[in-house]
Each structure stands twice: as C-alpha cells, then as structure tokens.
Amino acid sequence: MPSLLALVISQHVRSRSKLQGLLQAGATVSRGDKTQVVGNFDEAFEWLMEEGASRSDIQRYKGLGEMNPEQLWETPWTSPPGGYSR
C-alpha cells in the first residue's frame, strides 16, 4: 500500500500536468493593481505565491508552556458555561 506522502505527490503531479497547457507565453496574471507577464503556469504560480507572501504578516503566539508566570496571569481565562467536567 503506498504511503500518504506518495499519494499526495502523485495527485500533485497529475494536477500540475493538467494545468500546464492552461497558460501560454505572453499570458498575464493580476493580483490587485499589479500585473505580471508569464510564460507558463509555473511562472504564474511562483509569482502569485511571492505576491501573497510579501503582503502577509505571519504571527506566532506562545503556547501556555512557553509563557513566563507573569504572562500567564495576564492571559484571559474563560470557562465554558456550566464549568469544566472530569
């Protein structure tokens, strides 16, 4: 039986091959007010990924195990209606 990773890669390769003929040389891709001339689907995908990454801020929040005691006291806690049950 193939692994999950092998199945995902296989599906990705099949999907990508279907999309290759979608765009031809000289096609344009737009996002917001920016436009880029591309030669194929891979170029369009790469440009869109770079554009998306440049406009996003990635934040990571600390887990409870990473907080100092002072930070834990400042963390708001709300219990569900009826409290917690064991």
Foldseek 3Di string as FASTA:
>chain_A
DDDPVVVVVVVVVVVVVVQFVVDAFQDWDDDDPDIDGDHTDVRNVVVVVVVVVVPDDDDDDDDPVPDDPVVVVVDDDDAPVVGDDD
